[in-house]
C-alpha atoms as a PDB file:
ATOM      1  CA  MET A   1       5.412  -3.753  31.413  1.00  0.00           C
ATOM      2  CA  LEU A   2       6.000  -4.000  27.660  1.00  0.00           C
ATOM      3  CA  THR A   3       3.951  -1.416  25.772  1.00  0.00           C
ATOM      4  CA  LEU A   4       2.644  -2.380  22.343  1.00  0.00           C
ATOM      5  CA  PRO A   5       0.926   0.744  20.971  1.00  0.00           C
ATOM      6  CA  LEU A   6      -0.089  -0.985  17.726  1.00  0.00           C
ATOM      7  CA  ARG A   7      -1.554  -4.106  19.289  1.00  0.00           C
ATOM      8  CA  ASN A   8      -4.778  -5.207  17.530  1.00  0.00           C
ATOM      9  CA  ARG A   9      -3.935  -3.096  14.484  1.00  0.00           C
ATOM     10  CA  VAL A  10      -3.001  -4.390  11.056  1.00  0.00           C
ATOM     11  CA  ALA A  11      -0.456  -2.813   8.733  1.00  0.00           C
ATOM     12  CA  LEU A  12       0.021  -3.336   5.002  1.00  0.00           C
ATOM     13  CA  VAL A  13       3.595  -2.490   4.027  1.00  0.00           C
ATOM     14  CA  THR A  14       4.591  -2.558   0.364  1.00  0.00           C
ATOM     15  CA  GLY A  15       8.053  -2.922  -1.103  1.00  0.00           C
ATOM     16  CA  VAL A  16       9.185  -5.552   1.408  1.00  0.00           C
ATOM     17  CA  SER A  17      11.415  -7.949  -0.478  1.00  0.00           C
ATOM     18  CA  ARG A  18      14.962  -7.534   0.907  1.00  0.00           C
ATOM     19  CA  ARG A  19      16.084  -7.751   4.510  1.00  0.00           C
ATOM     20  CA  LYS A  20      18.530  -4.898   3.790  1.00  0.00           C
ATOM     21  CA  GLY A  21      15.740  -2.610   2.584  1.00  0.00           C
ATOM     22  CA  ILE A  22      13.728   0.166   4.181  1.00  0.00           C
ATOM     23  CA  GLY A  23      10.500  -1.787   3.726  1.00  0.00           C
ATOM     24  CA  PHE A  24      11.730  -4.686   5.829  1.00  0.00           C
ATOM     25  CA  ALA A  25      12.929  -2.315   8.556  1.00  0.00           C
ATOM     26  CA  ILE A  26       9.530  -0.581   8.607  1.00  0.00           C
ATOM     27  CA  ALA A  27       7.669  -3.878   8.800  1.00  0.00           C
ATOM     28  CA  ARG A  28       9.941  -5.142  11.580  1.00  0.00           C
ATOM     29  CA  ARG A  29       9.427  -1.919  13.542  1.00  0.00           C
ATOM     30  CA  LEU A  30       5.631  -2.088  13.229  1.00  0.00           C
ATOM     31  CA  ALA A  31       5.676  -5.727  14.350  1.00  0.00           C
ATOM     32  CA  ALA A  32       7.802  -4.773  17.370  1.00  0.00           C
ATOM     33  CA  LEU A  33       5.135  -2.171  18.218  1.00  0.00           C
ATOM     34  CA  GLY A  34       2.475  -4.893  18.159  1.00  0.00           C
ATOM     35  CA  ALA A  35       0.981  -4.694  14.660  1.00  0.00           C
ATOM     36  CA  SER A  36       0.003  -7.702  12.594  1.00  0.00           C
ATOM     37  CA  LEU A  37       1.526  -7.467   9.112  1.00  0.00           C
ATOM     38  CA  PHE A  38       0.652  -8.047   5.505  1.00  0.00           C
ATOM     39  CA  VAL A  39       3.661  -7.364   3.296  1.00  0.00           C
ATOM     40  CA  GLN A  40       3.971  -7.053  -0.468  1.00  0.00           C
ATOM     41  CA  GLY A  41       7.169  -7.503  -2.436  1.00  0.00           C
ATOM     42  CA  TRP A  42       8.313  -8.098  -6.003  1.00  0.00           C
ATOM     43  CA  ARG A  43      11.602  -9.993  -6.143  1.00  0.00           C
ATOM     44  CA  THR A  44      11.667  -9.940  -9.938  1.00  0.00           C
ATOM     45  CA  PHE A  45      12.538  -6.240  -9.878  1.00  0.00           C
ATOM     46  CA  ASP A  46      15.309  -6.701  -7.312  1.00  0.00           C
ATOM     47  CA  ALA A  47      16.766  -9.639  -9.225  1.00  0.00           C
ATOM     48  CA  ALA A  48      17.244  -7.422 -12.286  1.00  0.00           C
ATOM     49  CA  GLN A  49      19.139  -4.726 -10.333  1.00  0.00           C
ATOM     50  CA  ALA A  50      22.780  -4.569  -9.285  1.00  0.00           C
ATOM     51  CA  TRP A  51      21.909  -5.238  -5.634  1.00  0.00           C
ATOM     52  CA  GLY A  52      20.016  -8.431  -6.462  1.00  0.00           C
ATOM     53  CA  ALA A  53      17.150 -10.222  -4.743  1.00  0.00           C
ATOM     54  CA  ASP A  54      17.287 -11.453  -1.168  1.00  0.00           C
ATOM     55  CA  PRO A  55      19.193 -14.749  -1.503  1.00  0.00           C
ATOM     56  CA  GLU A  56      16.864 -16.669   0.821  1.00  0.00           C
ATOM     57  CA  GLY A  57      13.601 -15.379  -0.642  1.00  0.00           C
ATOM     58  CA  MET A  58      10.335 -14.244   0.881  1.00  0.00           C
ATOM     59  CA  ALA A  59      10.019 -17.207   3.229  1.00  0.00           C
ATOM     60  CA  ALA A  60      13.125 -16.179   5.162  1.00  0.00           C
ATOM     61  CA  LEU A  61      11.962 -12.577   5.248  1.00  0.00           C
ATOM     62  CA  VAL A  62       8.564 -13.540   6.666  1.00  0.00           C
ATOM     63  CA  ALA A  63      10.180 -15.844   9.223  1.00  0.00           C
ATOM     64  CA  ALA A  64      12.373 -12.960  10.406  1.00  0.00           C
ATOM     65  CA  LEU A  65       9.354 -10.670  10.745  1.00  0.00           C
ATOM     66  CA  ARG A  66       7.525 -13.277  12.833  1.00  0.00           C
ATOM     67  CA  GLN A  67      10.232 -13.270  15.485  1.00  0.00           C
ATOM     68  CA  ASP A  68       8.338 -10.603  17.448  1.00  0.00           C
ATOM     69  CA  GLY A  69       5.391 -12.972  17.758  1.00  0.00           C
ATOM     70  CA  GLN A  70       3.029 -11.109  15.439  1.00  0.00           C
ATOM     71  CA  GLU A  71       1.081 -12.689  12.602  1.00  0.00           C
ATOM     72  CA  VAL A  72       2.661 -11.995   9.213  1.00  0.00           C
ATOM     73  CA  GLN A  73       1.320 -12.782   5.753  1.00  0.00           C
ATOM     74  CA  ALA A  74       2.987 -11.961   2.431  1.00  0.00           C
ATOM     75  CA  LEU A  75       2.159 -11.689  -1.254  1.00  0.00           C
ATOM     76  CA  GLU A  76       4.374 -11.146  -4.266  1.00  0.00           C
ATOM     77  CA  ALA A  77       2.686  -8.739  -6.668  1.00  0.00           C
ATOM     78  CA  ASP A  78       3.834  -6.543  -9.550  1.00  0.00           C
ATOM     79  CA  LEU A  79       2.416  -3.073  -8.860  1.00  0.00           C
ATOM     80  CA  SER A  80       2.934  -2.062 -12.484  1.00  0.00           C
ATOM     81  CA  ASP A  81      -0.173  -4.197 -13.117  1.00  0.00           C
ATOM     82  CA  PRO A  82      -3.193  -1.888 -12.680  1.00  0.00           C
ATOM     83  CA  ASP A  83      -5.153  -4.720 -11.034  1.00  0.00           C
ATOM     84  CA  ALA A  84      -2.443  -5.509  -8.475  1.00  0.00           C
ATOM     85  CA  PRO A  85      -3.263  -2.808  -5.890  1.00  0.00           C
ATOM     86  CA  ARG A  86      -6.846  -4.039  -5.559  1.00  0.00           C
ATOM     87  CA  ALA A  87      -5.642  -7.631  -5.341  1.00  0.00           C
ATOM     88  CA  VAL A  88      -3.085  -6.815  -2.631  1.00  0.00           C
ATOM     89  CA  VAL A  89      -5.601  -4.970  -0.440  1.00  0.00           C
ATOM     90  CA  ALA A  90      -8.190  -7.713  -0.987  1.00  0.00           C
ATOM     91  CA  ALA A  91      -5.702 -10.404   0.031  1.00  0.00           C
ATOM     92  CA  ALA A  92      -4.804  -8.465   3.166  1.00  0.00           C
ATOM     93  CA  GLN A  93      -8.487  -8.100   4.025  1.00  0.00           C
ATOM     94  CA  ARG A  94      -9.044 -11.822   3.595  1.00  0.00           C
ATOM     95  CA  ALA A  95      -6.128 -12.520   5.899  1.00  0.00           C
ATOM     96  CA  PHE A  96      -6.971 -10.016   8.644  1.00  0.00           C
ATOM     97  CA  GLY A  97     -10.451  -8.606   8.059  1.00  0.00           C
ATOM     98  CA  HIS A  98      -9.491  -4.946   8.322  1.00  0.00           C
ATOM     99  CA  LEU A  99      -6.442  -2.783   7.622  1.00  0.00           C
ATOM    100  CA  ASP A 100      -5.561   0.152   9.863  1.00  0.00           C
ATOM    101  CA  ILE A 101      -2.257   1.213   8.326  1.00  0.00           C
ATOM    102  CA  LEU A 102      -0.885   1.454   4.791  1.00  0.00           C
ATOM    103  CA  VAL A 103       2.806   2.219   4.307  1.00  0.00           C
ATOM    104  CA  ALA A 104       3.380   2.643   0.564  1.00  0.00           C
ATOM    105  CA  ASN A 105       7.112   2.011   0.547  1.00  0.00           C
ATOM    106  CA  HIS A 106       7.415   0.332  -2.863  1.00  0.00           C
ATOM    107  CA  ALA A 107       9.432   2.088  -5.548  1.00  0.00           C
ATOM    108  CA  TYR A 108      10.495   1.538  -9.125  1.00  0.00           C
ATOM    109  CA  SER A 109      13.849   3.287  -9.448  1.00  0.00           C
ATOM    110  CA  THR A 110      16.305   3.459 -12.330  1.00  0.00           C
ATOM    111  CA  LEU A 111      18.826   6.042 -13.458  1.00  0.00           C
ATOM    112  CA  GLY A 112      18.066   8.277 -16.442  1.00  0.00           C
ATOM    113  CA  SER A 113      19.294  11.725 -17.482  1.00  0.00           C
ATOM    114  CA  LEU A 114      17.359  14.020 -19.802  1.00  0.00           C
ATOM    115  CA  GLU A 115      19.306  12.729 -22.784  1.00  0.00           C
ATOM    116  CA  ALA A 116      18.815   9.086 -21.852  1.00  0.00           C
ATOM    117  CA  VAL A 117      15.240   9.061 -20.539  1.00  0.00           C
ATOM    118  CA  THR A 118      12.635   7.227 -22.610  1.00  0.00           C
ATOM    119  CA  ALA A 119       8.857   7.199 -22.758  1.00  0.00           C
ATOM    120  CA  GLU A 120       8.835   3.615 -21.524  1.00  0.00           C
ATOM    121  CA  GLN A 121      11.015   4.501 -18.536  1.00  0.00           C
ATOM    122  CA  ILE A 122       8.812   7.455 -17.588  1.00  0.00           C
ATOM    123  CA  ASP A 123       5.650   5.374 -17.917  1.00  0.00           C
ATOM    124  CA  GLN A 124       7.032   2.537 -15.783  1.00  0.00           C
ATOM    125  CA  HIS A 125       7.982   4.885 -12.938  1.00  0.00           C
ATOM    126  CA  MET A 126       4.590   6.556 -13.036  1.00  0.00           C
ATOM    127  CA  ALA A 127       2.745   3.245 -13.211  1.00  0.00           C
ATOM    128  CA  VAL A 128       4.412   1.770 -10.141  1.00  0.00           C
ATOM    129  CA  ASN A 129       5.161   4.798  -7.982  1.00  0.00           C
ATOM    130  CA  VAL A 130       2.158   7.029  -8.702  1.00  0.00           C
ATOM    131  CA  ARG A 131      -0.672   4.921 -10.117  1.00  0.00           C
ATOM    132  CA  GLY A 132       0.159   1.964  -7.876  1.00  0.00           C
ATOM    133  CA  THR A 133       0.252   4.166  -4.783  1.00  0.00           C
ATOM    134  CA  LEU A 134      -2.963   6.023  -5.593  1.00  0.00           C
ATOM    135  CA  LEU A 135      -4.859   2.817  -6.286  1.00  0.00           C
ATOM    136  CA  LEU A 136      -3.548   1.194  -3.111  1.00  0.00           C
ATOM    137  CA  THR A 137      -4.710   4.288  -1.240  1.00  0.00           C
ATOM    138  CA  LYS A 138      -8.137   4.142  -2.891  1.00  0.00           C
ATOM    139  CA  HIS A 139      -8.736   0.508  -1.926  1.00  0.00           C
ATOM    140  CA  PHE A 140      -7.253   0.936   1.548  1.00  0.00           C
ATOM    141  CA  ALA A 141      -9.494   3.937   2.260  1.00  0.00           C
ATOM    142  CA  ALA A 142     -12.575   2.153   0.907  1.00  0.00           C
ATOM    143  CA  GLN A 143     -12.267  -0.637   3.487  1.00  0.00           C
ATOM    144  CA  HIS A 144     -11.512   1.651   6.433  1.00  0.00           C
ATOM    145  CA  ASP A 145     -14.512   2.067   8.717  1.00  0.00           C
ATOM    146  CA  GLY A 146     -13.465   5.203  10.595  1.00  0.00           C
ATOM    147  CA  ARG A 147     -12.039   3.511  13.672  1.00  0.00           C
ATOM    148  CA  SER A 148      -9.138   5.268  15.366  1.00  0.00           C
ATOM    149  CA  GLY A 149      -5.606   4.578  14.189  1.00  0.00           C
ATOM    150  CA  GLY A 150      -6.066   4.986  10.439  1.00  0.00           C
ATOM    151  CA  ARG A 151      -2.689   5.826   8.918  1.00  0.00           C
ATOM    152  CA  LEU A 152      -1.358   6.337   5.400  1.00  0.00           C
ATOM    153  CA  ILE A 153       2.394   6.851   5.050  1.00  0.00           C
ATOM    154  CA  LEU A 154       3.959   7.625   1.668  1.00  0.00           C
ATOM    155  CA  LEU A 155       7.668   7.794   0.881  1.00  0.00           C
ATOM    156  CA  THR A 156       9.264  10.444  -1.288  1.00  0.00           C
ATOM    157  CA  SER A 157      12.886  11.285  -2.102  1.00  0.00           C
ATOM    158  CA  GLY A 158      15.077  14.367  -1.803  1.00  0.00           C
ATOM    159  CA  GLN A 159      14.204  15.993  -5.123  1.00  0.00           C
ATOM    160  CA  HIS A 160      12.853  19.082  -3.348  1.00  0.00           C
ATOM    161  CA  LEU A 161      16.086  19.578  -1.389  1.00  0.00           C
ATOM    162  CA  ASN A 162      18.857  18.824  -3.866  1.00  0.00           C
ATOM    163  CA  PRO A 163      19.166  18.389  -7.671  1.00  0.00           C
ATOM    164  CA  MET A 164      18.940  14.797  -8.891  1.00  0.00           C
ATOM    165  CA  PRO A 165      19.510  15.256 -12.654  1.00  0.00           C
ATOM    166  CA  ASN A 166      20.375  11.614 -13.322  1.00  0.00           C
ATOM    167  CA  GLU A 167      17.113  10.235 -11.888  1.00  0.00           C
ATOM    168  CA  LEU A 168      14.523  12.308 -13.728  1.00  0.00           C
ATOM    169  CA  ALA A 169      11.766   9.723 -14.175  1.00  0.00           C
ATOM    170  CA  TYR A 170      12.163   8.584 -10.584  1.00  0.00           C
ATOM    171  CA  ILE A 171      12.067  12.052  -9.052  1.00  0.00           C
ATOM    172  CA  ALA A 172       9.104  13.037 -11.224  1.00  0.00           C
ATOM    173  CA  SER A 173       7.151  10.148  -9.728  1.00  0.00           C
ATOM    174  CA  LYS A 174       8.321  10.821  -6.187  1.00  0.00           C
ATOM    175  CA  GLY A 175       7.574  14.518  -6.585  1.00  0.00           C
ATOM    176  CA  ALA A 176       3.999  13.581  -7.457  1.00  0.00           C
ATOM    177  CA  LEU A 177       3.611  11.738  -4.143  1.00  0.00           C
ATOM    178  CA  HIS A 178       5.040  14.746  -2.311  1.00  0.00           C
ATOM    179  CA  GLN A 179       2.409  16.982  -3.928  1.00  0.00           C
ATOM    180  CA  LEU A 180      -0.430  14.538  -3.256  1.00  0.00           C
ATOM    181  CA  THR A 181       0.170  14.560   0.496  1.00  0.00           C
ATOM    182  CA  LEU A 182      -1.817  17.616   1.517  1.00  0.00           C
ATOM    183  CA  SER A 183      -4.814  16.871  -0.696  1.00  0.00           C
ATOM    184  CA  LEU A 184      -5.023  13.232   0.372  1.00  0.00           C
ATOM    185  CA  SER A 185      -4.766  14.367   3.971  1.00  0.00           C
ATOM    186  CA  ALA A 186      -7.639  16.820   3.613  1.00  0.00           C
ATOM    187  CA  HIS A 187      -9.815  14.129   2.054  1.00  0.00           C
ATOM    188  CA  LEU A 188      -8.964  11.188   4.289  1.00  0.00           C
ATOM    189  CA  ILE A 189      -8.917  12.883   7.686  1.00  0.00           C
ATOM    190  CA  GLN A 190     -12.709  12.920   7.414  1.00  0.00           C
ATOM    191  CA  ARG A 191     -12.515   9.103   7.462  1.00  0.00           C
ATOM    192  CA  GLY A 192     -10.146   9.000  10.427  1.00  0.00           C
ATOM    193  CA  ILE A 193      -6.971   8.454   8.381  1.00  0.00           C
ATOM    194  CA  THR A 194      -3.941  10.699   8.793  1.00  0.00           C
ATOM    195  CA  VAL A 195      -1.624  11.087   5.800  1.00  0.00           C
ATOM    196  CA  ASN A 196       2.071  11.901   6.007  1.00  0.00           C
ATOM    197  CA  THR A 197       5.007  11.504   3.655  1.00  0.00           C
ATOM    198  CA  VAL A 198       8.571  10.719   4.717  1.00  0.00           C
ATOM    199  CA  ASN A 199      11.767  11.510   2.837  1.00  0.00           C
ATOM    200  CA  PRO A 200      14.298   9.106   4.408  1.00  0.00           C
ATOM    201  CA  GLY A 201      17.267  10.691   2.646  1.00  0.00           C
ATOM    202  CA  ALA A 202      20.192   8.667   1.359  1.00  0.00           C
ATOM    203  CA  THR A 203      19.736   5.284   3.011  1.00  0.00           C
ATOM    204  CA  ASP A 204      22.284   2.491   3.130  1.00  0.00           C
ATOM    205  CA  SER A 205      20.272  -0.414   1.770  1.00  0.00           C
ATOM    206  CA  GLY A 206      23.069  -1.899  -0.298  1.00  0.00           C
ATOM    207  CA  TYR A 207      22.506  -0.163  -3.624  1.00  0.00           C
ATOM    208  CA  ALA A 208      25.305   2.436  -3.789  1.00  0.00           C
ATOM    209  CA  ASP A 209      28.676   1.964  -5.475  1.00  0.00           C
ATOM    210  CA  PRO A 210      31.769   2.839  -3.385  1.00  0.00           C
ATOM    211  CA  GLU A 211      32.280   6.259  -5.003  1.00  0.00           C
ATOM    212  CA  SER A 212      28.670   7.342  -4.417  1.00  0.00           C
ATOM    213  CA  TYR A 213      28.748   5.952  -0.902  1.00  0.00           C
ATOM    214  CA  ALA A 214      31.817   7.990   0.006  1.00  0.00           C
ATOM    215  CA  ALA A 215      30.395  11.171  -1.562  1.00  0.00           C
ATOM    216  CA  VAL A 216      27.177  10.992   0.439  1.00  0.00           C
ATOM    217  CA  GLN A 217      29.078  10.203   3.605  1.00  0.00           C
ATOM    218  CA  ARG A 218      31.244  13.307   3.134  1.00  0.00           C
ATOM    219  CA  ALA A 219      28.252  15.521   2.360  1.00  0.00           C
ATOM    220  CA  ASN A 220      26.128  14.551   5.354  1.00  0.00           C
ATOM    221  CA  PRO A 221      26.645  16.730   8.454  1.00  0.00           C
ATOM    222  CA  GLN A 222      26.658  13.619  10.647  1.00  0.00           C
ATOM    223  CA  GLY A 223      29.230  11.918   8.442  1.00  0.00           C
ATOM    224  CA  ARG A 224      27.147   8.871   7.670  1.00  0.00           C
ATOM    225  CA  TRP A 225      24.363   7.491   5.556  1.00  0.00           C
ATOM    226  CA  GLY A 226      20.905   6.987   6.964  1.00  0.00           C
ATOM    227  CA  MET A 227      20.125   3.435   7.979  1.00  0.00           C
ATOM    228  CA  PRO A 228      16.824   1.672   7.239  1.00  0.00           C
ATOM    229  CA  ASP A 229      16.022   1.731  10.957  1.00  0.00           C
ATOM    230  CA  ASP A 230      16.255   5.541  10.991  1.00  0.00           C
ATOM    231  CA  ALA A 231      13.259   5.775   8.666  1.00  0.00           C
ATOM    232  CA  ALA A 232      11.515   2.875  10.394  1.00  0.00           C
ATOM    233  CA  ARG A 233      11.590   4.532  13.807  1.00  0.00           C
ATOM    234  CA  LEU A 234       9.955   7.698  12.473  1.00  0.00           C
ATOM    235  CA  ILE A 235       7.328   5.822  10.496  1.00  0.00           C
ATOM    236  CA  GLY A 236       6.587   3.541  13.433  1.00  0.00           C
ATOM    237  CA  TRP A 237       5.934   6.577  15.637  1.00  0.00           C
ATOM    238  CA  LEU A 238       3.728   8.222  12.983  1.00  0.00           C
ATOM    239  CA  CYS A 239       1.570   5.086  13.076  1.00  0.00           C
ATOM    240  CA  THR A 240       0.950   5.335  16.831  1.00  0.00           C
ATOM    241  CA  ASP A 241      -1.722   7.340  18.628  1.00  0.00           C
ATOM    242  CA  GLU A 242       0.969   9.775  19.790  1.00  0.00           C
ATOM    243  CA  ALA A 243       1.088  11.124  16.229  1.00  0.00           C
ATOM    244  CA  ALA A 244      -2.683  11.473  15.758  1.00  0.00           C
ATOM    245  CA  TRP A 245      -2.466  15.286  15.493  1.00  0.00           C
ATOM    246  CA  ILE A 246       0.071  15.170  12.638  1.00  0.00           C
ATOM    247  CA  THR A 247      -1.275  14.990   9.095  1.00  0.00           C
ATOM    248  CA  GLY A 248      -0.582  16.502   5.691  1.00  0.00           C
ATOM    249  CA  GLN A 249       3.149  16.776   6.358  1.00  0.00           C
ATOM    250  CA  VAL A 250       6.212  15.956   4.275  1.00  0.00           C
ATOM    251  CA  ILE A 251       8.935  15.116   6.790  1.00  0.00           C
ATOM    252  CA  ASN A 252      12.624  15.117   5.893  1.00  0.00           C
ATOM    253  CA  SER A 253      14.445  12.534   7.992  1.00  0.00           C
ATOM    254  CA  THR A 254      17.907  13.118   6.543  1.00  0.00           C
ATOM    255  CA  GLY A 255      20.316  13.710   9.396  1.00  0.00           C
ATOM    256  CA  GLY A 256      20.568  17.394   8.505  1.00  0.00           C
ATOM    257  CA  GLY A 257      21.559  16.694   4.894  1.00  0.00           C
ATOM    258  CA  TRP A 258      19.518  15.875   1.843  1.00  0.00           C
END
C-alpha cells in the first residue's frame, strides 16, 4: 500500500520558479508525500541572472508538480516588498484554508566582496532573505491552530563551515537565519510547530560556471555536487511525523564537504 505521510496537509514553499532549482525539488517531494502545495516564485529575479528564468514559465512548473495528483496553486510575488509575505500567506489560506508547513526556500543572492559591496546590495539581501522570511514566519504562525504537523523549514548556506569572502551580503543574511533557528524553535514549539534549518551545501541547480563547478567537485569527499533532490529528501522527511522530535537544529546536508 502506498504511504502518503503528508496527506491532508498543506505546504507553502517559497522560491519555486525554476524546475532546476531546490525549491521545485522540495515542492515535488512534498507532493509525492501527499501534501497539497502553494508555491511562490519570482521569475523577474531569475531572468536578470546568468542562469535565466524557466523558459516555459510558472504554468509548466505547476503542471509538473500536479503530476503526483495533488492540488497545486501558485503566486508570483516579490518578497522584497514588505507587504508580500502577508499577501502570500493570505492567498495560500484562501486557496486551502490552513497551512501546516512553511519551507522558506527563497533567496536573493549576488556576488560581492568587501571592496565591492554596497549599501543597496546589503539592504536587498536583508529585505528578501531576512525580513521576508521573518514576516512569512509571523503570518504562517498566526494562522496555525496547534494541530499536529506544524513545520517551519529555513535554508541557510555554508558560511559557518567555510569562508565565502565574495558573497558577503548573501552570507550575512543567511547567517541571520542560522542564528534565528533556536529562538524561533523555542517560541513556536509551544504552538505545535517545529523549526529546523537546512544547509544543502553546493547544489547543482545550473548556476555555476565550469571552473567553479570543477573546483567544488574536486573538494567534495564524494566527488560530486549535491543535487536538488538531496536537499528535498531531507526536508521532506523533516516535514513528516517521524521528525516530530527534531527542532531547533541547523543540519548540514553537504555530502561530507561544505
